[in-house]
Amino acid sequence: MRWTEQEYMEYLERTGKKTVRQEKKKSKYNAQHIWKDGLCFDSEKEADYYDSLKVLTKAKAIKGFCRQPEFVLQEGNEEIRAITYRADFIIFHKDGTYEIIDIKGYEPEQWKRTEKMFRLKYPELKLRIVKKAGL
């Protein structure tokens, strides 16, 4: 479930839990979470990319986009949980094609395995890794 900042703060208040801001907890790769349009982004690069996609959609250069599409990389069962991958964006182009976008400031070792699994399971999908802000 995705929450807006206000819904998340209300939930924390109701349950008596502390916020990340209150705990001064660092993110996994020292990226700053950014709130924009009531949505939480894992990094400033991701938020900037979102802004670029909004402009392209408004200018009708692309048909649209979606945040955080999820893909099953390996099926699970009652005993073993499925392995999934959640990308940052999926862009729907006007010609009917689409591409999966993942914003990376740093590529951890786990990412290499995830990328291999994705490309093997979904060879027909275009996966693009973006390391710089902008398109």
N, C-alpha and C. Protein backbone atom coordinates (compact mmCIF):
# COMPACT_ATOMS: atom_id res chain seq x y z
N MET A 1 0.84 -1.18 0.00
CA MET A 1 0.00 0.00 0.00
C MET A 1 0.88 1.24 0.00
N ARG A 2 0.57 2.19 -0.83
CA ARG A 2 1.29 3.46 -0.89
C ARG A 2 0.47 4.52 -0.18
N TRP A 3 1.13 5.26 0.70
CA TRP A 3 0.46 6.30 1.46
C TRP A 3 0.96 7.67 1.06
N THR A 4 0.12 8.66 1.25
CA THR A 4 0.59 10.03 1.11
C THR A 4 1.32 10.37 2.40
N GLU A 5 2.04 11.46 2.40
CA GLU A 5 2.77 11.86 3.60
C GLU A 5 1.81 12.08 4.77
N GLN A 6 0.69 12.72 4.50
CA GLN A 6 -0.28 13.01 5.56
C GLN A 6 -0.87 11.72 6.13
N GLU A 7 -1.24 10.77 5.28
CA GLU A 7 -1.79 9.50 5.75
C GLU A 7 -0.76 8.74 6.58
N TYR A 8 0.49 8.79 6.15
CA TYR A 8 1.55 8.09 6.88
C TYR A 8 1.75 8.71 8.26
N MET A 9 1.77 10.03 8.32
CA MET A 9 1.96 10.71 9.60
C MET A 9 0.78 10.42 10.54
N GLU A 10 -0.44 10.39 10.00
CA GLU A 10 -1.61 10.07 10.82
C GLU A 10 -1.54 8.64 11.35
N TYR A 11 -1.09 7.72 10.51
CA TYR A 11 -0.93 6.33 10.92
C TYR A 11 0.08 6.23 12.07
N LEU A 12 1.22 6.90 11.92
CA LEU A 12 2.25 6.86 12.96
C LEU A 12 1.73 7.46 14.26
N GLU A 13 0.96 8.51 14.15
CA GLU A 13 0.41 9.16 15.35
C GLU A 13 -0.58 8.22 16.04
N ARG A 14 -1.45 7.57 15.26
CA ARG A 14 -2.45 6.65 15.81
C ARG A 14 -1.81 5.46 16.51
N THR A 15 -0.74 4.92 15.92
CA THR A 15 -0.11 3.71 16.46
C THR A 15 0.98 4.01 17.48
N GLY A 16 1.35 5.27 17.60
CA GLY A 16 2.39 5.63 18.57
C GLY A 16 3.79 5.29 18.12
N LYS A 17 3.96 4.97 16.86
CA LYS A 17 5.29 4.65 16.33
C LYS A 17 6.03 5.94 16.01
N LYS A 18 7.36 5.82 15.98
CA LYS A 18 8.18 6.99 15.66
C LYS A 18 8.41 7.06 14.17
N THR A 19 8.57 8.27 13.67
CA THR A 19 8.86 8.45 12.25
C THR A 19 10.35 8.29 12.02
N VAL A 20 10.71 8.12 10.78
CA VAL A 20 12.12 8.03 10.41
C VAL A 20 12.82 9.32 10.80
N ARG A 21 12.12 10.44 10.62
CA ARG A 21 12.71 11.73 10.98
C ARG A 21 12.99 11.81 12.48
N GLN A 22 12.09 11.24 13.29
CA GLN A 22 12.29 11.28 14.74
C GLN A 22 13.46 10.40 15.16
N GLU A 23 13.64 9.28 14.46
CA GLU A 23 14.70 8.35 14.82
C GLU A 23 16.05 8.71 14.22
N LYS A 24 16.08 9.64 13.27
CA LYS A 24 17.31 10.05 12.59
C LYS A 24 18.01 8.85 11.96
N LYS A 25 17.20 7.97 11.37
CA LYS A 25 17.72 6.77 10.75
C LYS A 25 18.20 7.08 9.34
N LYS A 26 19.39 6.59 8.98
CA LYS A 26 19.93 6.79 7.64
C LYS A 26 19.33 5.76 6.69
N SER A 27 19.18 6.16 5.43
CA SER A 27 18.70 5.21 4.44
C SER A 27 19.83 4.26 4.08
N LYS A 28 19.47 3.20 3.38
CA LYS A 28 20.42 2.14 3.07
C LYS A 28 21.66 2.65 2.34
N TYR A 29 21.48 3.55 1.35
CA TYR A 29 22.62 4.04 0.57
C TYR A 29 22.79 5.55 0.73
N ASN A 30 22.39 6.08 1.88
CA ASN A 30 22.51 7.50 2.21
C ASN A 30 21.71 8.42 1.29
N ALA A 31 20.70 7.88 0.62
CA ALA A 31 19.84 8.71 -0.22
C ALA A 31 18.78 9.37 0.66
N GLN A 32 18.39 10.56 0.30
CA GLN A 32 17.37 11.29 1.04
C GLN A 32 16.00 10.99 0.45
N HIS A 33 15.05 10.58 1.30
CA HIS A 33 13.68 10.40 0.81
C HIS A 33 13.10 11.77 0.52
N ILE A 34 12.41 11.86 -0.60
CA ILE A 34 11.84 13.13 -1.06
C ILE A 34 10.33 12.96 -1.21
N TRP A 35 9.58 13.93 -0.68
CA TRP A 35 8.13 13.94 -0.87
C TRP A 35 7.80 14.95 -1.95
N LYS A 36 7.03 14.49 -2.95
CA LYS A 36 6.63 15.36 -4.05
C LYS A 36 5.24 14.93 -4.50
N ASP A 37 4.34 15.87 -4.64
CA ASP A 37 2.96 15.58 -5.06
C ASP A 37 2.30 14.54 -4.15
N GLY A 38 2.67 14.53 -2.88
CA GLY A 38 2.11 13.57 -1.94
C GLY A 38 2.67 12.17 -2.07
N LEU A 39 3.74 11.99 -2.85
CA LEU A 39 4.37 10.70 -3.06
C LEU A 39 5.77 10.70 -2.47
N CYS A 40 6.19 9.57 -1.94
CA CYS A 40 7.53 9.45 -1.38
C CYS A 40 8.45 8.78 -2.40
N PHE A 41 9.58 9.42 -2.66
CA PHE A 41 10.57 8.89 -3.59
C PHE A 41 11.82 8.51 -2.80
N ASP A 42 12.49 7.46 -3.26
CA ASP A 42 13.67 6.96 -2.55
C ASP A 42 14.90 7.85 -2.69
N SER A 43 14.89 8.73 -3.69
CA SER A 43 16.05 9.61 -3.87
C SER A 43 15.63 10.86 -4.63
N GLU A 44 16.50 11.85 -4.60
CA GLU A 44 16.25 13.08 -5.34
C GLU A 44 16.28 12.82 -6.85
N LYS A 45 17.16 11.91 -7.28
CA LYS A 45 17.23 11.56 -8.70
C LYS A 45 15.90 10.99 -9.18
N GLU A 46 15.32 10.13 -8.38
CA GLU A 46 14.04 9.52 -8.75
C GLU A 46 12.93 10.58 -8.81
N ALA A 47 12.92 11.50 -7.86
CA ALA A 47 11.93 12.57 -7.86
C ALA A 47 12.11 13.48 -9.07
N ASP A 48 13.35 13.78 -9.44
CA ASP A 48 13.62 14.60 -10.63
C ASP A 48 13.17 13.89 -11.90
N TYR A 49 13.39 12.59 -11.96
CA TYR A 49 12.97 11.81 -13.12
C TYR A 49 11.44 11.83 -13.23
N TYR A 50 10.78 11.73 -12.10
CA TYR A 50 9.31 11.81 -12.05
C TYR A 50 8.84 13.15 -12.63
N ASP A 51 9.51 14.23 -12.24
CA ASP A 51 9.16 15.56 -12.79
C ASP A 51 9.31 15.59 -14.31
N SER A 52 10.40 14.99 -14.81
CA SER A 52 10.63 14.95 -16.26
C SER A 52 9.53 14.16 -16.97
N LEU A 53 9.11 13.05 -16.37
CA LEU A 53 8.05 12.25 -16.97
C LEU A 53 6.71 12.99 -16.97
N LYS A 54 6.46 13.76 -15.93
CA LYS A 54 5.22 14.56 -15.90
C LYS A 54 5.21 15.57 -17.03
N VAL A 55 6.36 16.21 -17.28
CA VAL A 55 6.46 17.20 -18.35
C VAL A 55 6.24 16.52 -19.71
N LEU A 56 6.87 15.36 -19.92
CA LEU A 56 6.71 14.64 -21.18
C LEU A 56 5.26 14.19 -21.40
N THR A 57 4.60 13.79 -20.33
CA THR A 57 3.20 13.38 -20.44
C THR A 57 2.32 14.57 -20.79
N LYS A 58 2.56 15.68 -20.13
CA LYS A 58 1.77 16.89 -20.40
C LYS A 58 2.00 17.39 -21.83
N ALA A 59 3.22 17.26 -22.32
CA ALA A 59 3.56 17.69 -23.68
C ALA A 59 3.13 16.64 -24.72
N LYS A 60 2.57 15.52 -24.24
CA LYS A 60 2.11 14.42 -25.10
C LYS A 60 3.25 13.78 -25.90
N ALA A 61 4.45 13.83 -25.36
CA ALA A 61 5.60 13.15 -25.98
C ALA A 61 5.56 11.66 -25.65
N ILE A 62 4.95 11.31 -24.51
CA ILE A 62 4.73 9.91 -24.14
C ILE A 62 3.26 9.75 -23.78
N LYS A 63 2.78 8.52 -23.85
CA LYS A 63 1.38 8.25 -23.52
C LYS A 63 1.15 8.38 -22.02
N GLY A 64 2.11 7.94 -21.22
CA GLY A 64 1.99 8.00 -19.77
C GLY A 64 3.07 7.19 -19.10
N PHE A 65 2.95 7.08 -17.78
CA PHE A 65 3.92 6.31 -17.02
C PHE A 65 3.27 5.83 -15.73
N CYS A 66 3.92 4.89 -15.08
CA CYS A 66 3.43 4.35 -13.82
C CYS A 66 4.63 4.19 -12.90
N ARG A 67 4.40 4.45 -11.63
CA ARG A 67 5.48 4.28 -10.65
C ARG A 67 5.47 2.87 -10.08
N GLN A 68 6.63 2.36 -9.85
CA GLN A 68 6.92 1.12 -9.14
C GLN A 68 6.14 -0.10 -9.62
N PRO A 69 6.27 -0.44 -10.90
CA PRO A 69 5.66 -1.69 -11.35
C PRO A 69 6.43 -2.87 -10.75
N GLU A 70 5.71 -3.93 -10.44
CA GLU A 70 6.34 -5.08 -9.80
C GLU A 70 6.33 -6.29 -10.75
N PHE A 71 7.44 -7.01 -10.77
CA PHE A 71 7.61 -8.18 -11.63
C PHE A 71 8.00 -9.38 -10.79
N VAL A 72 7.41 -10.52 -11.08
CA VAL A 72 7.76 -11.76 -10.39
C VAL A 72 8.94 -12.38 -11.13
N LEU A 73 10.05 -12.55 -10.43
CA LEU A 73 11.25 -13.13 -11.03
C LEU A 73 11.30 -14.64 -10.85
N GLN A 74 10.76 -15.10 -9.72
CA GLN A 74 10.69 -16.54 -9.46
C GLN A 74 9.43 -16.81 -8.66
N GLU A 75 8.64 -17.75 -9.14
CA GLU A 75 7.39 -18.09 -8.46
C GLU A 75 7.68 -18.65 -7.08
N GLY A 76 6.75 -18.47 -6.19
CA GLY A 76 6.87 -19.02 -4.86
C GLY A 76 5.78 -20.05 -4.61
N ASN A 77 5.75 -20.57 -3.38
CA ASN A 77 4.68 -21.49 -2.97
C ASN A 77 4.38 -21.24 -1.50
N GLU A 78 3.71 -22.19 -0.86
CA GLU A 78 3.35 -22.00 0.55
C GLU A 78 4.57 -21.90 1.46
N GLU A 79 5.64 -22.57 1.06
CA GLU A 79 6.84 -22.62 1.90
C GLU A 79 7.87 -21.56 1.56
N ILE A 80 7.97 -21.22 0.27
CA ILE A 80 9.00 -20.29 -0.19
C ILE A 80 8.34 -19.08 -0.83
N ARG A 81 8.71 -17.93 -0.34
CA ARG A 81 8.14 -16.69 -0.88
C ARG A 81 8.70 -16.42 -2.29
N ALA A 82 7.86 -15.85 -3.14
CA ALA A 82 8.28 -15.52 -4.51
C ALA A 82 9.35 -14.43 -4.47
N ILE A 83 10.20 -14.40 -5.48
CA ILE A 83 11.20 -13.35 -5.62
C ILE A 83 10.62 -12.33 -6.59
N THR A 84 10.52 -11.09 -6.14
CA THR A 84 9.95 -10.04 -6.98
C THR A 84 10.94 -8.90 -7.14
N TYR A 85 10.71 -8.13 -8.18
CA TYR A 85 11.52 -6.94 -8.46
C TYR A 85 10.57 -5.78 -8.71
N ARG A 86 10.81 -4.68 -8.03
CA ARG A 86 10.00 -3.49 -8.21
C ARG A 86 10.88 -2.41 -8.84
N ALA A 87 10.55 -2.07 -10.08
CA ALA A 87 11.29 -1.03 -10.81
C ALA A 87 10.80 0.34 -10.33
N ASP A 88 11.47 1.39 -10.76
CA ASP A 88 11.06 2.73 -10.37
C ASP A 88 9.90 3.24 -11.24
N PHE A 89 9.99 3.00 -12.55
CA PHE A 89 8.95 3.50 -13.46
C PHE A 89 8.77 2.54 -14.63
N ILE A 90 7.61 2.62 -15.25
CA ILE A 90 7.38 2.03 -16.55
C ILE A 90 6.81 3.15 -17.42
N ILE A 91 7.41 3.34 -18.59
CA ILE A 91 6.99 4.43 -19.49
C ILE A 91 6.24 3.81 -20.67
N PHE A 92 5.07 4.34 -20.95
CA PHE A 92 4.26 3.89 -22.08
C PHE A 92 4.43 4.90 -23.21
N HIS A 93 5.04 4.45 -24.30
CA HIS A 93 5.30 5.32 -25.44
C HIS A 93 4.08 5.37 -26.36
N LYS A 94 4.04 6.40 -27.18
CA LYS A 94 2.91 6.60 -28.08
C LYS A 94 2.79 5.51 -29.14
N ASP A 95 3.89 4.87 -29.50
CA ASP A 95 3.86 3.82 -30.52
C ASP A 95 3.44 2.46 -29.97
N GLY A 96 3.06 2.42 -28.70
CA GLY A 96 2.60 1.17 -28.09
C GLY A 96 3.67 0.40 -27.36
N THR A 97 4.92 0.82 -27.46
CA THR A 97 6.00 0.15 -26.74
C THR A 97 6.11 0.75 -25.34
N TYR A 98 6.85 0.07 -24.53
CA TYR A 98 7.08 0.59 -23.19
C TYR A 98 8.45 0.14 -22.71
N GLU A 99 8.96 0.85 -21.71
CA GLU A 99 10.27 0.48 -21.16
C GLU A 99 10.24 0.61 -19.65
N ILE A 100 11.03 -0.23 -19.03
CA ILE A 100 11.15 -0.27 -17.58
C ILE A 100 12.37 0.57 -17.21
N ILE A 101 12.19 1.46 -16.24
CA ILE A 101 13.27 2.36 -15.83
C ILE A 101 13.63 2.10 -14.37
N ASP A 102 14.91 2.00 -14.10
CA ASP A 102 15.39 1.91 -12.73
C ASP A 102 16.46 2.97 -12.53
N ILE A 103 16.26 3.81 -11.54
CA ILE A 103 17.19 4.89 -11.22
C ILE A 103 18.22 4.35 -10.23
N LYS A 104 19.48 4.46 -10.57
CA LYS A 104 20.55 3.95 -9.70
C LYS A 104 21.61 5.02 -9.48
N GLY A 105 21.89 5.29 -8.23
CA GLY A 105 23.02 6.13 -7.90
C GLY A 105 24.22 5.24 -7.60
N TYR A 106 23.90 4.02 -7.19
CA TYR A 106 24.91 3.05 -6.79
C TYR A 106 24.35 1.67 -7.13
N GLU A 107 25.17 0.80 -7.67
CA GLU A 107 24.73 -0.55 -8.03
C GLU A 107 25.32 -1.57 -7.06
N PRO A 108 24.54 -1.99 -6.08
CA PRO A 108 25.04 -3.00 -5.15
C PRO A 108 25.16 -4.36 -5.82
N GLU A 109 25.88 -5.27 -5.20
CA GLU A 109 26.10 -6.60 -5.76
C GLU A 109 24.78 -7.32 -6.01
N GLN A 110 23.81 -7.15 -5.12
CA GLN A 110 22.50 -7.80 -5.28
C GLN A 110 21.82 -7.36 -6.57
N TRP A 111 22.04 -6.11 -6.98
CA TRP A 111 21.38 -5.61 -8.19
C TRP A 111 21.79 -6.41 -9.43
N LYS A 112 23.05 -6.82 -9.50
CA LYS A 112 23.53 -7.57 -10.66
C LYS A 112 22.76 -8.88 -10.81
N ARG A 113 22.49 -9.56 -9.69
CA ARG A 113 21.71 -10.80 -9.73
C ARG A 113 20.27 -10.52 -10.13
N THR A 114 19.69 -9.46 -9.57
CA THR A 114 18.31 -9.10 -9.88
C THR A 114 18.17 -8.77 -11.36
N GLU A 115 19.11 -8.00 -11.89
CA GLU A 115 19.06 -7.62 -13.30
C GLU A 115 19.15 -8.86 -14.19
N LYS A 116 20.05 -9.79 -13.87
CA LYS A 116 20.17 -11.02 -14.65
C LYS A 116 18.87 -11.82 -14.64
N MET A 117 18.28 -11.95 -13.45
CA MET A 117 17.03 -12.70 -13.33
C MET A 117 15.92 -12.03 -14.14
N PHE A 118 15.86 -10.69 -14.09
CA PHE A 118 14.84 -9.97 -14.85
C PHE A 118 15.01 -10.18 -16.34
N ARG A 119 16.22 -10.03 -16.83
CA ARG A 119 16.48 -10.16 -18.27
C ARG A 119 16.24 -11.59 -18.77
N LEU A 120 16.48 -12.59 -17.92
CA LEU A 120 16.20 -13.97 -18.30
C LEU A 120 14.70 -14.26 -18.33
N LYS A 121 13.98 -13.74 -17.35
CA LYS A 121 12.54 -14.01 -17.25
C LYS A 121 11.74 -13.18 -18.26
N TYR A 122 12.17 -11.95 -18.51
CA TYR A 122 11.44 -11.03 -19.39
C TYR A 122 12.35 -10.51 -20.51
N PRO A 123 12.82 -11.37 -21.41
CA PRO A 123 13.74 -10.91 -22.46
C PRO A 123 13.09 -9.92 -23.44
N GLU A 124 11.77 -9.93 -23.52
CA GLU A 124 11.07 -9.04 -24.45
C GLU A 124 10.91 -7.61 -23.91
N LEU A 125 11.14 -7.42 -22.62
CA LEU A 125 10.99 -6.09 -22.02
C LEU A 125 12.31 -5.33 -22.04
N LYS A 126 12.21 -4.05 -22.32
CA LYS A 126 13.40 -3.20 -22.34
C LYS A 126 13.61 -2.61 -20.94
N LEU A 127 14.73 -2.94 -20.33
CA LEU A 127 15.09 -2.41 -19.01
C LEU A 127 16.22 -1.41 -19.19
N ARG A 128 15.98 -0.19 -18.72
CA ARG A 128 17.01 0.84 -18.84
C ARG A 128 17.39 1.32 -17.43
N ILE A 129 18.69 1.31 -17.17
CA ILE A 129 19.21 1.81 -15.89
C ILE A 129 19.66 3.25 -16.12
N VAL A 130 19.15 4.14 -15.28
CA VAL A 130 19.48 5.56 -15.38
C VAL A 130 20.34 5.92 -14.19
N LYS A 131 21.53 6.45 -14.47
CA LYS A 131 22.44 6.83 -13.39
C LYS A 131 22.51 8.33 -13.17
N LYS A 132 22.00 9.09 -14.12
CA LYS A 132 21.99 10.55 -13.99
C LYS A 132 20.55 11.04 -14.02
N ALA A 133 20.31 12.17 -13.38
CA ALA A 133 18.97 12.74 -13.40
C ALA A 133 18.65 13.22 -14.81
N GLY A 134 17.40 13.25 -15.13
CA GLY A 134 16.97 13.68 -16.46
C GLY A 134 16.77 12.49 -17.38
N LEU A 135 16.30 12.75 -18.57
CA LEU A 135 16.00 11.67 -19.50
C LEU A 135 17.17 11.48 -20.42
